[in-house]
Protein backbone atom coordinates (compact mmCIF):
# COMPACT_ATOMS: atom_id res chain seq x y z
CA MET A 1 12.85 14.08 -22.90
CA LYS A 2 14.72 12.27 -20.11
CA LYS A 3 15.75 15.58 -18.49
CA THR A 4 12.14 16.81 -18.58
CA SER A 5 10.89 13.61 -16.90
CA LEU A 6 13.56 13.86 -14.20
CA LEU A 7 12.73 17.52 -13.64
CA MET A 8 9.01 16.70 -13.30
CA ILE A 9 9.77 13.92 -10.80
CA PHE A 10 12.08 16.22 -8.83
CA LEU A 11 9.45 18.99 -8.69
CA PHE A 12 6.78 16.50 -7.63
CA VAL A 13 8.99 15.21 -4.79
CA ILE A 14 9.79 18.76 -3.63
CA ALA A 15 6.10 19.70 -3.68
CA ALA A 16 5.15 16.54 -1.79
CA CYS A 17 7.79 17.18 0.88
CA GLY A 18 6.52 20.73 1.31
CA ALA A 19 2.98 19.46 1.76
CA VAL A 20 4.17 17.04 4.43
CA VAL A 21 5.95 19.81 6.33
CA ILE A 22 2.86 22.03 6.19
CA ALA A 23 0.53 19.16 7.17
CA GLY A 24 2.87 18.27 10.03
CA ASP A 25 2.85 21.87 11.23
CA ILE A 26 -0.96 21.95 11.14
CA GLU A 27 -1.22 18.71 13.10
CA TYR A 28 1.34 20.06 15.58
CA LEU A 29 -0.67 23.25 16.09
CA ASN A 30 -3.90 21.31 16.63
CA GLU A 31 -2.15 19.04 19.13
CA GLN A 32 -0.72 22.04 20.96
CA MET A 33 -4.08 23.87 21.03
CA LEU A 34 -5.75 20.79 22.48
CA ALA A 35 -2.92 20.20 24.96
CA PHE A 36 -3.24 23.83 26.11
CA ALA A 37 -6.97 23.40 26.75
CA LEU A 38 -6.65 20.01 28.47
CA GLY A 39 -3.87 21.37 30.66
CA HIS A 40 -6.12 24.20 31.86
CA MET A 41 -9.37 22.31 32.55
CA GLY A 42 -11.28 23.94 35.40
CA GLN A 43 -9.13 27.08 35.17
CA LYS A 44 -9.92 30.57 33.91
CA ILE A 45 -7.94 31.55 30.81
CA GLY A 46 -7.29 35.28 30.50
CA ARG A 47 -10.37 37.25 31.58
CA GLY A 48 -12.58 34.16 31.38
CA GLU A 49 -14.07 35.20 28.04
CA CYS A 50 -14.61 32.38 25.54
CA TRP A 51 -12.44 34.25 23.02
CA ASP A 52 -9.44 34.23 25.40
CA LEU A 53 -9.27 30.44 25.17
CA ALA A 54 -8.40 30.68 21.46
CA ALA A 55 -6.41 33.92 21.50
CA GLN A 56 -3.85 32.96 24.14
CA PRO A 57 -2.52 29.71 22.61
CA LEU A 58 -2.77 31.03 19.04
CA ASN A 59 -0.55 33.96 20.02
CA GLU A 60 1.84 31.81 22.06
CA LEU A 61 2.25 29.35 19.17
CA GLY A 62 2.79 32.06 16.56
CA ALA A 63 -0.26 30.94 14.59
CA SER A 64 -1.63 33.02 11.71
CA TRP A 65 -4.99 34.58 12.47
CA ASP A 66 -6.67 37.95 12.09
CA GLY A 67 -6.84 38.79 15.82
CA HIS A 68 -10.63 38.95 15.68
CA TRP A 69 -12.84 36.01 14.61
CA GLY A 70 -10.77 34.44 11.81
CA PHE A 71 -8.96 31.80 13.88
CA GLY A 72 -7.09 30.18 10.98
CA LYS A 73 -8.12 28.39 7.81
CA LYS A 74 -11.84 27.66 7.53
CA VAL A 75 -12.46 23.91 7.25
CA ALA A 76 -16.22 23.77 7.80
CA GLY A 77 -19.36 25.67 8.61
CA GLY A 78 -22.98 25.04 9.27
CA GLY A 79 -26.19 25.81 11.01
CA ALA A 80 -29.70 24.38 11.08
CA SER A 81 -29.07 22.71 7.71
CA GLY A 82 -26.14 20.69 9.11
CA LEU A 83 -22.35 20.56 8.82
CA LYS A 84 -20.71 21.43 5.51
CA LEU A 85 -17.02 20.57 5.15
CA GLU A 86 -14.75 22.49 2.79
CA LYS A 87 -13.38 20.46 -0.12
CA ASP A 88 -10.94 17.76 1.08
CA ALA A 89 -11.38 18.85 4.72
CA SER A 90 -12.09 16.87 7.87
CA LEU A 91 -12.48 17.86 11.50
CA MET A 92 -9.57 17.42 13.90
CA PRO A 93 -9.26 17.75 17.66
CA GLY A 94 -7.90 21.23 18.38
CA ASP A 95 -9.97 22.93 15.65
CA ILE A 96 -11.62 26.17 16.78
CA ILE A 97 -15.37 26.71 16.44
CA HIS A 98 -16.93 30.16 16.19
CA PHE A 99 -20.66 30.06 17.00
CA MET A 100 -22.91 32.98 16.01
CA LYS A 101 -26.32 33.06 17.70
CA VAL A 102 -26.64 29.27 17.59
CA LYS A 103 -29.76 27.94 19.28
CA ALA A 104 -30.21 24.21 19.82
CA SER A 105 -33.15 22.38 21.39
CA TRP A 106 -34.02 18.75 21.94
CA THR A 107 -36.48 16.37 23.54
CA LYS A 108 -35.36 13.19 25.25
CA THR A 109 -37.84 10.36 25.79
CA TYR A 110 -37.10 7.85 28.54
CA PRO A 111 -38.07 4.15 28.54
CA ASN A 112 -40.90 4.85 31.00
CA GLY A 113 -42.42 7.32 28.50
CA SER A 114 -41.49 10.48 30.40
CA ARG A 115 -39.92 13.28 28.40
CA GLU A 116 -37.34 15.93 29.08
CA TRP A 117 -36.83 19.08 27.00
CA GLY A 118 -33.65 21.11 26.84
CA SER A 119 -32.13 24.01 24.95
CA GLU A 120 -28.98 26.08 24.80
CA THR A 121 -27.68 29.16 23.06
CA LEU A 122 -24.07 29.43 21.94
CA GLY A 123 -23.23 32.99 21.08
CA MET A 124 -25.02 36.13 22.11
CA PRO A 125 -23.88 37.09 19.53
CA ASP A 126 -20.58 35.10 19.42
CA HIS A 127 -19.04 32.14 21.23
CA VAL A 128 -15.76 30.25 20.75
CA ALA A 129 -14.87 26.66 21.63
CA PHE A 130 -12.24 24.03 20.84
CA LEU A 131 -13.17 20.74 19.29
CA LYS A 132 -12.04 17.91 21.55
CA GLU A 133 -13.76 15.12 19.64
CA TYR A 134 -16.11 14.53 16.71
CA ASP A 135 -18.00 11.25 16.37
CA GLY A 136 -18.06 11.54 12.57
CA LYS A 137 -21.83 12.02 12.56
CA THR A 138 -23.40 14.85 14.59
CA THR A 139 -21.89 14.94 18.09
CA LEU A 140 -19.16 17.41 18.99
CA THR A 141 -17.32 17.31 22.30
CA LEU A 142 -16.35 20.90 23.10
CA LEU A 143 -13.86 22.55 25.44
CA HIS A 144 -14.83 26.13 26.26
CA GLN A 145 -15.28 28.77 28.93
CA ASN A 146 -17.85 31.46 29.70
CA VAL A 147 -20.63 28.97 29.04
CA ASN A 148 -23.51 28.03 31.37
CA LYS A 149 -22.38 30.82 33.73
CA LYS A 150 -18.93 29.19 34.11
CA ARG A 151 -16.00 31.48 33.37
CA TYR A 152 -13.53 28.61 33.50
CA LEU A 153 -12.69 25.81 31.09
CA VAL A 154 -15.30 23.03 30.90
CA GLU A 155 -16.22 20.13 28.60
CA THR A 156 -19.69 19.79 27.07
CA THR A 157 -21.25 18.02 24.11
CA LEU A 158 -23.37 19.41 21.31
CA ASP A 159 -25.43 17.41 18.86
CA ILE A 160 -25.36 19.65 15.78
CA ALA A 161 -28.51 17.90 14.53
CA ASN A 162 -30.33 19.82 17.30
CA ILE A 163 -29.34 23.26 15.96
CA LYS A 164 -32.47 25.21 15.05
CA SER A 165 -30.93 28.57 14.10
CA GLY A 166 -27.65 30.46 13.87
CA THR A 167 -24.40 29.61 12.14
CA TYR A 168 -20.95 28.36 13.04
CA TYR A 169 -17.56 28.15 11.37
CA ILE A 170 -14.75 25.74 12.17
CA TYR A 171 -11.15 26.87 11.75
CA ARG A 172 -7.85 25.00 11.64
CA PRO A 173 -4.91 26.72 13.36
CA TRP A 174 -2.06 27.31 10.92
CA ARG A 175 1.06 29.40 10.29
CA ALA A 176 1.60 31.41 7.14
CA LYS A 177 5.28 30.43 7.19
CA VAL A 178 6.60 27.09 8.31
CA SER A 179 9.01 27.72 11.19
CA LYS A 180 12.38 26.01 11.20
C-alpha cells in the first residue's frame, strides 16, 4: 500500500513537471512570436503577404505547424456569433489568428449626434494576424501586414462584436517535442 502511494505521488510529480516544461515552452514561443513582430513594425516580412508574418518566425523557432493554415494548436474560433474558446483555453499575446472572409461593420455616434459608419474585410479569402492584446471582452489588438493596402507590419484593432460574417480560428504556437 505504501509503495503504491509513493509511486502515485512520484508519477503525479513527474507529470506535473512535464506540464510545466510544455507550458513554459508555449509561453516562450508566444513571447518570441510577439517579439519578432514588434521588432519588425513598419517593415515588410518576406514578400509582404500576411501569411509570411506567421511562417517566418514559426520556421525560425522550430514550431510545429502544417505549413499551410494550421499554425499550431487551436485555442479558439468564432464568427458573427462571437468568440468560442476551447476547453481550458485563454488568449495570449503572440497567438496567431486565421481570418476567413470576415466582414465587420460598425456605426459610431458622436456627442453632437453625428454618425460615422465603417467596415472592413479580413480575408479574401484568408488573412493572418498576430494577437498583440485582448481586452478580455471583444477588442483584439492585431499586428499584421498586407492589410489596408499596406504590405508592411502595422497595428490595428478589431472589435469582434462587429463581425457580421465569416469565421476565424486562433492558434497557439507550439512544438511537438520539447527542445533541450
